[in-house]
C-alpha cells in the first residue's frame, strides 16, 4: 500500500509542479529536464514494484482461470473483447500510419494536439530522448499499473484482502487515469479507458509483453505526427528557445 501511495502522491505533486511550469513556459531545456525526470522516476517506481512482487510474476496477468469467468468461458465475449481491442489500437495507430503515407496531413492532426505543444519533442535531441521516454513509459507503466497494481488491488500479491478481478481492473485503470491528470479531464477519461483496455489485453494474453509493445509504439507514434521543424520552422524555433505554448498555436495551424 505504501508504494502505491508514494507513486500517486509524487505524481500528483512533484510531477504536477513540473508540468504546470512547462505548460506556462516551454523550451527545449525544460522539456528535456521533464523527460529525464520522467525516465528516472518511472524506473524507480518499477523497481519498487519489483521489490513487492517477484519480477517473474509481474509479467503475467492477475487472477486465475476462475476470475472473469463471464469473459474467459464465453467464446462470444472473448470475440467481442478481441474486436474492441483491435478497433481501439487500430484507431490509436491510424493517424501515424496516415501521416507516414501522406506527410501533408500532419497539420490536420495538430488541431487535436494543441494541448500538448508544451510537452511534445521539437529538436533532434528532444526526439531522441522522447524515444527513451516512450520505452520507459511502455515498460515501467505497464509493470506498475498492469503488473503490480492490478495484482495488488486484486489481492493476489498478499493475504490482506481479496477484490474481484473485474473491480481490480476498473480501479487500476482509474488510478492510471488520475496519474495522467495533467492532460485535463478529457485526458483522464482517455487514459482511464486506455488503462481498462491495456489491462484487459494483459488478462486475455496472460502476459505484459504485448501491452508493453503496444504502449511503446503508441507513444512513439507522436514522432510521426508531430514534426514542427519540418512543417512550421518559425514555431519550432520559438518552442525550442522558449515561449508560452499557446502563443505558437496560430503559427502552427496557419
C-alpha atoms as a PDB file:
ATOM      1  CA  UNK A   1       0.000   0.000   0.000  1.00  0.00           C
ATOM      2  CA  UNK A   2       2.844   2.393   0.863  1.00  0.00           C
ATOM      3  CA  UNK A   3       4.346   2.023  -2.618  1.00  0.00           C
ATOM      4  CA  UNK A   4       1.005   2.844  -4.254  1.00  0.00           C
ATOM      5  CA  UNK A   5       0.505   5.917  -2.067  1.00  0.00           C
ATOM      6  CA  UNK A   6       4.063   7.131  -2.730  1.00  0.00           C
ATOM      7  CA  UNK A   7       3.676   6.894  -6.500  1.00  0.00           C
ATOM      8  CA  UNK A   8       0.271   8.588  -6.537  1.00  0.00           C
ATOM      9  CA  UNK A   9       1.414  11.384  -4.206  1.00  0.00           C
ATOM     10  CA  UNK A  10       4.597  12.042  -6.162  1.00  0.00           C
ATOM     11  CA  UNK A  11       2.667  12.058  -9.424  1.00  0.00           C
ATOM     12  CA  UNK A  12       0.057  14.463  -8.054  1.00  0.00           C
ATOM     13  CA  UNK A  13       2.612  16.848  -6.512  1.00  0.00           C
ATOM     14  CA  UNK A  14       6.137  16.860  -7.943  1.00  0.00           C
ATOM     15  CA  UNK A  15       5.115  15.831 -11.446  1.00  0.00           C
ATOM     16  CA  UNK A  16       2.242  18.322 -11.454  1.00  0.00           C
ATOM     17  CA  UNK A  17       4.535  21.178 -10.442  1.00  0.00           C
ATOM     18  CA  UNK A  18       6.961  20.388 -13.246  1.00  0.00           C
ATOM     19  CA  UNK A  19       4.131  20.025 -15.745  1.00  0.00           C
ATOM     20  CA  UNK A  20       2.481  23.280 -14.647  1.00  0.00           C
ATOM     21  CA  UNK A  21       5.736  25.170 -15.165  1.00  0.00           C
ATOM     22  CA  UNK A  22       6.126  23.600 -18.581  1.00  0.00           C
ATOM     23  CA  UNK A  23       2.574  24.490 -19.566  1.00  0.00           C
ATOM     24  CA  UNK A  24       3.232  28.121 -18.636  1.00  0.00           C
ATOM     25  CA  UNK A  25       6.582  28.324 -20.432  1.00  0.00           C
ATOM     26  CA  UNK A  26       8.106  25.611 -22.577  1.00  0.00           C
ATOM     27  CA  UNK A  27      11.559  25.290 -24.140  1.00  0.00           C
ATOM     28  CA  UNK A  28      13.954  22.582 -25.237  1.00  0.00           C
ATOM     29  CA  UNK A  29      15.853  22.770 -21.951  1.00  0.00           C
ATOM     30  CA  UNK A  30      12.674  22.490 -19.885  1.00  0.00           C
ATOM     31  CA  UNK A  31      11.231  19.655 -21.939  1.00  0.00           C
ATOM     32  CA  UNK A  32      14.480  17.692 -21.766  1.00  0.00           C
ATOM     33  CA  UNK A  33      14.523  18.152 -17.994  1.00  0.00           C
ATOM     34  CA  UNK A  34      10.950  16.838 -17.820  1.00  0.00           C
ATOM     35  CA  UNK A  35      11.785  13.820 -19.990  1.00  0.00           C
ATOM     36  CA  UNK A  36      14.813  12.944 -17.862  1.00  0.00           C
ATOM     37  CA  UNK A  37      12.825  13.356 -14.648  1.00  0.00           C
ATOM     38  CA  UNK A  38      10.066  11.095 -16.005  1.00  0.00           C
ATOM     39  CA  UNK A  39      12.538   8.419 -17.068  1.00  0.00           C
ATOM     40  CA  UNK A  40      14.300   8.375 -13.697  1.00  0.00           C
ATOM     41  CA  UNK A  41      11.020   8.455 -11.735  1.00  0.00           C
ATOM     42  CA  UNK A  42       9.282   5.629 -13.580  1.00  0.00           C
ATOM     43  CA  UNK A  43      12.255   3.310 -13.499  1.00  0.00           C
ATOM     44  CA  UNK A  44      12.331   3.954  -9.759  1.00  0.00           C
ATOM     45  CA  UNK A  45       8.628   3.111  -9.446  1.00  0.00           C
ATOM     46  CA  UNK A  46       9.098  -0.054 -11.498  1.00  0.00           C
ATOM     47  CA  UNK A  47      11.987  -1.123  -9.262  1.00  0.00           C
ATOM     48  CA  UNK A  48       9.814  -0.566  -6.169  1.00  0.00           C
ATOM     49  CA  UNK A  49       7.115  -2.723  -7.743  1.00  0.00           C
ATOM     50  CA  UNK A  50       9.635  -5.496  -8.412  1.00  0.00           C
ATOM     51  CA  UNK A  51      10.541  -5.479  -4.717  1.00  0.00           C
ATOM     52  CA  UNK A  52       6.896  -6.105  -3.837  1.00  0.00           C
ATOM     53  CA  UNK A  53       6.212  -8.840  -6.397  1.00  0.00           C
ATOM     54  CA  UNK A  54       8.830 -11.182  -7.920  1.00  0.00           C
ATOM     55  CA  UNK A  55       9.771  -9.949 -11.426  1.00  0.00           C
ATOM     56  CA  UNK A  56       8.623 -13.234 -12.977  1.00  0.00           C
ATOM     57  CA  UNK A  57       5.139 -12.694 -11.526  1.00  0.00           C
ATOM     58  CA  UNK A  58       4.959  -9.076 -12.670  1.00  0.00           C
ATOM     59  CA  UNK A  59       4.840 -10.152 -16.295  1.00  0.00           C
ATOM     60  CA  UNK A  60       1.817 -12.409 -16.034  1.00  0.00           C
ATOM     61  CA  UNK A  61      -1.826 -11.468 -15.591  1.00  0.00           C
ATOM     62  CA  UNK A  62      -3.523 -11.268 -12.235  1.00  0.00           C
ATOM     63  CA  UNK A  63      -6.095 -13.850 -11.277  1.00  0.00           C
ATOM     64  CA  UNK A  64      -6.846 -17.447 -12.137  1.00  0.00           C
ATOM     65  CA  UNK A  65      -8.992 -19.152 -14.742  1.00  0.00           C
ATOM     66  CA  UNK A  66     -11.955 -18.756 -12.376  1.00  0.00           C
ATOM     67  CA  UNK A  67     -11.650 -14.956 -12.367  1.00  0.00           C
ATOM     68  CA  UNK A  68     -13.666 -13.081 -15.011  1.00  0.00           C
ATOM     69  CA  UNK A  69     -15.403 -16.317 -15.957  1.00  0.00           C
ATOM     70  CA  UNK A  70     -18.014 -14.294 -17.898  1.00  0.00           C
ATOM     71  CA  UNK A  71     -15.218 -13.460 -20.328  1.00  0.00           C
ATOM     72  CA  UNK A  72     -12.877 -16.428 -20.250  1.00  0.00           C
ATOM     73  CA  UNK A  73     -15.621 -19.060 -20.505  1.00  0.00           C
ATOM     74  CA  UNK A  74     -17.560 -17.416 -23.310  1.00  0.00           C
ATOM     75  CA  UNK A  75     -16.393 -17.518 -26.914  1.00  0.00           C
ATOM     76  CA  UNK A  76     -18.849 -14.738 -27.725  1.00  0.00           C
ATOM     77  CA  UNK A  77     -17.500 -12.378 -25.065  1.00  0.00           C
ATOM     78  CA  UNK A  78     -13.928 -13.259 -25.987  1.00  0.00           C
ATOM     79  CA  UNK A  79     -14.749 -12.351 -29.567  1.00  0.00           C
ATOM     80  CA  UNK A  80     -16.361  -9.064 -28.525  1.00  0.00           C
ATOM     81  CA  UNK A  81     -13.409  -8.153 -26.288  1.00  0.00           C
ATOM     82  CA  UNK A  82     -10.900  -9.004 -29.016  1.00  0.00           C
ATOM     83  CA  UNK A  83     -12.827  -6.931 -31.547  1.00  0.00           C
ATOM     84  CA  UNK A  84     -12.910  -3.937 -29.198  1.00  0.00           C
ATOM     85  CA  UNK A  85      -9.154  -4.198 -28.614  1.00  0.00           C
ATOM     86  CA  UNK A  86      -8.403  -4.446 -32.337  1.00  0.00           C
ATOM     87  CA  UNK A  87     -10.573  -1.405 -33.088  1.00  0.00           C
ATOM     88  CA  UNK A  88      -9.071   0.636 -30.244  1.00  0.00           C
ATOM     89  CA  UNK A  89      -5.449   0.029 -31.188  1.00  0.00           C
ATOM     90  CA  UNK A  90      -6.173   0.413 -34.898  1.00  0.00           C
ATOM     91  CA  UNK A  91      -7.643   3.856 -34.213  1.00  0.00           C
ATOM     92  CA  UNK A  92      -4.675   4.701 -31.978  1.00  0.00           C
ATOM     93  CA  UNK A  93      -2.178   3.981 -34.763  1.00  0.00           C
ATOM     94  CA  UNK A  94      -4.228   5.306 -37.673  1.00  0.00           C
ATOM     95  CA  UNK A  95      -3.001   8.953 -37.507  1.00  0.00           C
ATOM     96  CA  UNK A  96       0.665   7.874 -37.503  1.00  0.00           C
ATOM     97  CA  UNK A  97       0.113   5.493 -40.416  1.00  0.00           C
ATOM     98  CA  UNK A  98      -1.807   8.159 -42.314  1.00  0.00           C
ATOM     99  CA  UNK A  99       0.960  10.725 -41.765  1.00  0.00           C
ATOM    100  CA  UNK A 100       3.610   8.227 -42.868  1.00  0.00           C
ATOM    101  CA  UNK A 101       1.981   7.826 -46.271  1.00  0.00           C
ATOM    102  CA  UNK A 102       0.705  11.404 -46.588  1.00  0.00           C
ATOM    103  CA  UNK A 103       3.023  13.793 -44.695  1.00  0.00           C
ATOM    104  CA  UNK A 104       0.936  16.829 -45.684  1.00  0.00           C
ATOM    105  CA  UNK A 105      -1.864  15.551 -43.458  1.00  0.00           C
ATOM    106  CA  UNK A 106       0.202  16.083 -40.284  1.00  0.00           C
ATOM    107  CA  UNK A 107      -1.100  19.601 -39.727  1.00  0.00           C
ATOM    108  CA  UNK A 108      -4.666  18.365 -39.835  1.00  0.00           C
ATOM    109  CA  UNK A 109      -3.950  16.234 -36.779  1.00  0.00           C
ATOM    110  CA  UNK A 110      -2.221  19.028 -34.883  1.00  0.00           C
ATOM    111  CA  UNK A 111      -5.513  20.748 -34.098  1.00  0.00           C
ATOM    112  CA  UNK A 112      -6.259  17.897 -31.725  1.00  0.00           C
ATOM    113  CA  UNK A 113      -2.736  18.062 -30.265  1.00  0.00           C
ATOM    114  CA  UNK A 114      -2.567  21.759 -29.365  1.00  0.00           C
ATOM    115  CA  UNK A 115      -2.889  20.964 -25.642  1.00  0.00           C
ATOM    116  CA  UNK A 116       0.391  19.041 -25.813  1.00  0.00           C
ATOM    117  CA  UNK A 117       2.639  21.557 -27.582  1.00  0.00           C
ATOM    118  CA  UNK A 118       4.261  22.210 -24.192  1.00  0.00           C
ATOM    119  CA  UNK A 119       5.363  18.578 -23.897  1.00  0.00           C
ATOM    120  CA  UNK A 120       5.993  17.109 -27.355  1.00  0.00           C
ATOM    121  CA  UNK A 121       9.583  16.971 -28.697  1.00  0.00           C
ATOM    122  CA  UNK A 122      10.788  19.510 -31.257  1.00  0.00           C
ATOM    123  CA  UNK A 123      14.583  19.370 -31.643  1.00  0.00           C
ATOM    124  CA  UNK A 124      16.561  16.325 -32.736  1.00  0.00           C
ATOM    125  CA  UNK A 125      17.931  15.882 -29.221  1.00  0.00           C
ATOM    126  CA  UNK A 126      14.427  16.043 -27.736  1.00  0.00           C
ATOM    127  CA  UNK A 127      13.178  13.447 -30.187  1.00  0.00           C
ATOM    128  CA  UNK A 128      15.994  11.095 -29.190  1.00  0.00           C
ATOM    129  CA  UNK A 129      15.052  11.490 -25.535  1.00  0.00           C
ATOM    130  CA  UNK A 130      11.391  11.001 -26.451  1.00  0.00           C
ATOM    131  CA  UNK A 131      12.325   7.531 -27.711  1.00  0.00           C
ATOM    132  CA  UNK A 132      13.841   6.726 -24.309  1.00  0.00           C
ATOM    133  CA  UNK A 133      10.820   8.238 -22.558  1.00  0.00           C
ATOM    134  CA  UNK A 134       8.459   6.137 -24.691  1.00  0.00           C
ATOM    135  CA  UNK A 135      10.381   2.974 -23.887  1.00  0.00           C
ATOM    136  CA  UNK A 136      10.327   3.874 -20.204  1.00  0.00           C
ATOM    137  CA  UNK A 137       6.597   4.649 -20.184  1.00  0.00           C
ATOM    138  CA  UNK A 138       5.738   1.479 -22.070  1.00  0.00           C
ATOM    139  CA  UNK A 139       7.821  -0.788 -19.867  1.00  0.00           C
ATOM    140  CA  UNK A 140       7.540   0.837 -16.453  1.00  0.00           C
ATOM    141  CA  UNK A 141       3.904   1.975 -16.549  1.00  0.00           C
ATOM    142  CA  UNK A 142       2.772  -1.459 -17.663  1.00  0.00           C
ATOM    143  CA  UNK A 143       4.882  -3.100 -14.971  1.00  0.00           C
ATOM    144  CA  UNK A 144       3.489  -0.779 -12.312  1.00  0.00           C
ATOM    145  CA  UNK A 145      -0.177  -0.460 -13.308  1.00  0.00           C
ATOM    146  CA  UNK A 146      -0.901  -3.788 -15.017  1.00  0.00           C
ATOM    147  CA  UNK A 147       1.793  -5.934 -13.432  1.00  0.00           C
ATOM    148  CA  UNK A 148       1.894  -4.694  -9.845  1.00  0.00           C
ATOM    149  CA  UNK A 149      -1.200  -2.576  -9.140  1.00  0.00           C
ATOM    150  CA  UNK A 150      -3.722  -4.911 -10.756  1.00  0.00           C
ATOM    151  CA  UNK A 151      -2.414  -7.831  -8.723  1.00  0.00           C
ATOM    152  CA  UNK A 152      -2.139  -5.714  -5.560  1.00  0.00           C
ATOM    153  CA  UNK A 153      -5.748  -4.474  -5.712  1.00  0.00           C
ATOM    154  CA  UNK A 154      -6.961  -7.953  -6.611  1.00  0.00           C
ATOM    155  CA  UNK A 155      -5.177  -9.275  -3.517  1.00  0.00           C
ATOM    156  CA  UNK A 156      -3.125 -11.834  -5.388  1.00  0.00           C
ATOM    157  CA  UNK A 157       0.205 -10.495  -4.087  1.00  0.00           C
ATOM    158  CA  UNK A 158      -0.790 -10.593  -0.395  1.00  0.00           C
ATOM    159  CA  UNK A 159      -3.353 -12.034   2.004  1.00  0.00           C
ATOM    160  CA  UNK A 160      -4.704  -8.759   3.415  1.00  0.00           C
ATOM    161  CA  UNK A 161      -7.819  -8.673   1.235  1.00  0.00           C
ATOM    162  CA  UNK A 162      -9.379 -10.008  -1.930  1.00  0.00           C
ATOM    163  CA  UNK A 163     -11.231  -7.953  -4.538  1.00  0.00           C
ATOM    164  CA  UNK A 164     -12.957  -9.279  -7.610  1.00  0.00           C
ATOM    165  CA  UNK A 165     -10.687  -9.039 -10.666  1.00  0.00           C
ATOM    166  CA  UNK A 166     -13.317  -7.035 -12.547  1.00  0.00           C
ATOM    167  CA  UNK A 167     -13.246  -4.361  -9.833  1.00  0.00           C
ATOM    168  CA  UNK A 168      -9.455  -4.518  -9.613  1.00  0.00           C
ATOM    169  CA  UNK A 169      -9.248  -3.868 -13.363  1.00  0.00           C
ATOM    170  CA  UNK A 170     -11.503  -0.802 -13.078  1.00  0.00           C
ATOM    171  CA  UNK A 171      -9.698   0.618 -10.039  1.00  0.00           C
ATOM    172  CA  UNK A 172      -6.223   0.133 -11.513  1.00  0.00           C
ATOM    173  CA  UNK A 173      -7.364   1.833 -14.726  1.00  0.00           C
ATOM    174  CA  UNK A 174      -8.813   4.728 -12.717  1.00  0.00           C
ATOM    175  CA  UNK A 175      -5.520   5.225 -10.866  1.00  0.00           C
ATOM    176  CA  UNK A 176      -3.738   5.128 -14.235  1.00  0.00           C
ATOM    177  CA  UNK A 177      -6.060   7.866 -15.487  1.00  0.00           C
ATOM    178  CA  UNK A 178      -5.646  10.027 -12.388  1.00  0.00           C
ATOM    179  CA  UNK A 179      -1.861   9.831 -12.716  1.00  0.00           C
ATOM    180  CA  UNK A 180      -2.289  11.490 -16.138  1.00  0.00           C
ATOM    181  CA  UNK A 181      -4.419  14.326 -14.777  1.00  0.00           C
ATOM    182  CA  UNK A 182      -2.037  16.918 -16.262  1.00  0.00           C
ATOM    183  CA  UNK A 183      -3.855  16.178 -19.531  1.00  0.00           C
ATOM    184  CA  UNK A 184      -7.078  17.592 -18.063  1.00  0.00           C
ATOM    185  CA  UNK A 185     -10.432  15.906 -17.517  1.00  0.00           C
ATOM    186  CA  UNK A 186     -10.647  14.643 -21.083  1.00  0.00           C
ATOM    187  CA  UNK A 187      -7.134  13.226 -20.738  1.00  0.00           C
ATOM    188  CA  UNK A 188      -8.050  11.432 -17.523  1.00  0.00           C
ATOM    189  CA  UNK A 189     -11.051   9.874 -19.248  1.00  0.00           C
ATOM    190  CA  UNK A 190      -8.980   8.809 -22.278  1.00  0.00           C
ATOM    191  CA  UNK A 191      -6.186   7.297 -20.228  1.00  0.00           C
ATOM    192  CA  UNK A 192      -8.645   5.551 -17.907  1.00  0.00           C
ATOM    193  CA  UNK A 193     -10.272   3.914 -20.945  1.00  0.00           C
ATOM    194  CA  UNK A 194      -6.811   3.069 -22.230  1.00  0.00           C
ATOM    195  CA  UNK A 195      -5.932   1.578 -18.849  1.00  0.00           C
ATOM    196  CA  UNK A 196      -9.030  -0.612 -18.977  1.00  0.00           C
ATOM    197  CA  UNK A 197      -8.120  -1.906 -22.422  1.00  0.00           C
ATOM    198  CA  UNK A 198      -4.428  -2.420 -21.653  1.00  0.00           C
ATOM    199  CA  UNK A 199      -5.498  -4.294 -18.516  1.00  0.00           C
ATOM    200  CA  UNK A 200      -7.974  -6.375 -20.481  1.00  0.00           C
ATOM    201  CA  UNK A 201      -5.259  -7.195 -23.010  1.00  0.00           C
ATOM    202  CA  UNK A 202      -2.959  -8.266 -20.175  1.00  0.00           C
ATOM    203  CA  UNK A 203      -5.630 -10.573 -18.768  1.00  0.00           C
ATOM    204  CA  UNK A 204      -6.529 -12.069 -22.153  1.00  0.00           C
ATOM    205  CA  UNK A 205      -2.910 -12.760 -23.129  1.00  0.00           C
ATOM    206  CA  UNK A 206      -1.782 -13.580 -19.572  1.00  0.00           C
ATOM    207  CA  UNK A 207       1.311 -11.502 -20.259  1.00  0.00           C
ATOM    208  CA  UNK A 208       2.637  -7.949 -20.122  1.00  0.00           C
ATOM    209  CA  UNK A 209       4.739  -8.242 -23.252  1.00  0.00           C
ATOM    210  CA  UNK A 210       2.088  -7.300 -25.829  1.00  0.00           C
ATOM    211  CA  UNK A 211       0.735  -4.381 -23.724  1.00  0.00           C
ATOM    212  CA  UNK A 212       4.305  -3.119 -23.277  1.00  0.00           C
ATOM    213  CA  UNK A 213       4.991  -3.302 -27.015  1.00  0.00           C
ATOM    214  CA  UNK A 214       1.759  -1.513 -27.953  1.00  0.00           C
ATOM    215  CA  UNK A 215       2.220   1.120 -25.233  1.00  0.00           C
ATOM    216  CA  UNK A 216       5.705   1.928 -26.506  1.00  0.00           C
ATOM    217  CA  UNK A 217       4.503   2.143 -30.104  1.00  0.00           C
ATOM    218  CA  UNK A 218       1.558   4.397 -29.197  1.00  0.00           C
ATOM    219  CA  UNK A 219       3.943   6.880 -27.556  1.00  0.00           C
ATOM    220  CA  UNK A 220       6.489   6.652 -30.373  1.00  0.00           C
ATOM    221  CA  UNK A 221       3.731   7.387 -32.909  1.00  0.00           C
ATOM    222  CA  UNK A 222       3.932  11.037 -31.816  1.00  0.00           C
ATOM    223  CA  UNK A 223       7.224  11.286 -33.730  1.00  0.00           C
ATOM    224  CA  UNK A 224       5.432  10.502 -36.995  1.00  0.00           C
ATOM    225  CA  UNK A 225       2.641  13.023 -36.422  1.00  0.00           C
ATOM    226  CA  UNK A 226       4.451  15.949 -34.806  1.00  0.00           C
ATOM    227  CA  UNK A 227       7.366  17.378 -36.824  1.00  0.00           C
ATOM    228  CA  UNK A 228       7.338  21.148 -36.280  1.00  0.00           C
ATOM    229  CA  UNK A 229      10.888  21.696 -37.570  1.00  0.00           C
ATOM    230  CA  UNK A 230       9.745  20.452 -40.965  1.00  0.00           C
ATOM    231  CA  UNK A 231       6.190  21.734 -41.020  1.00  0.00           C
ATOM    232  CA  UNK A 232       6.427  25.023 -39.108  1.00  0.00           C
ATOM    233  CA  UNK A 233      10.073  26.144 -38.730  1.00  0.00           C
ATOM    234  CA  UNK A 234       9.309  29.506 -37.128  1.00  0.00           C
ATOM    235  CA  UNK A 235       7.084  27.954 -34.500  1.00  0.00           C
ATOM    236  CA  UNK A 236       9.735  25.290 -33.888  1.00  0.00           C
ATOM    237  CA  UNK A 237      12.372  27.966 -33.233  1.00  0.00           C
ATOM    238  CA  UNK A 238      10.141  29.631 -30.645  1.00  0.00           C
ATOM    239  CA  UNK A 239       9.299  26.319 -28.984  1.00  0.00           C
ATOM    240  CA  UNK A 240      12.984  25.466 -28.691  1.00  0.00           C
ATOM    241  CA  UNK A 241      14.104  28.906 -27.500  1.00  0.00           C
ATOM    242  CA  UNK A 242      11.260  29.259 -25.010  1.00  0.00           C
ATOM    243  CA  UNK A 243       7.721  30.617 -25.162  1.00  0.00           C
ATOM    244  CA  UNK A 244       4.165  30.198 -23.960  1.00  0.00           C
ATOM    245  CA  UNK A 245       2.872  27.054 -25.729  1.00  0.00           C
ATOM    246  CA  UNK A 246      -0.444  28.625 -26.712  1.00  0.00           C
ATOM    247  CA  UNK A 247       1.345  31.556 -28.347  1.00  0.00           C
ATOM    248  CA  UNK A 248       2.578  29.341 -31.194  1.00  0.00           C
ATOM    249  CA  UNK A 249      -0.722  27.597 -31.800  1.00  0.00           C
ATOM    250  CA  UNK A 250      -1.845  30.020 -34.507  1.00  0.00           C
ATOM    251  CA  UNK A 251       1.595  29.873 -36.184  1.00  0.00           C
ATOM    252  CA  UNK A 252       1.497  26.093 -36.407  1.00  0.00           C
ATOM    253  CA  UNK A 253      -2.059  25.873 -37.668  1.00  0.00           C
ATOM    254  CA  UNK A 254      -1.731  28.522 -40.377  1.00  0.00           C
END
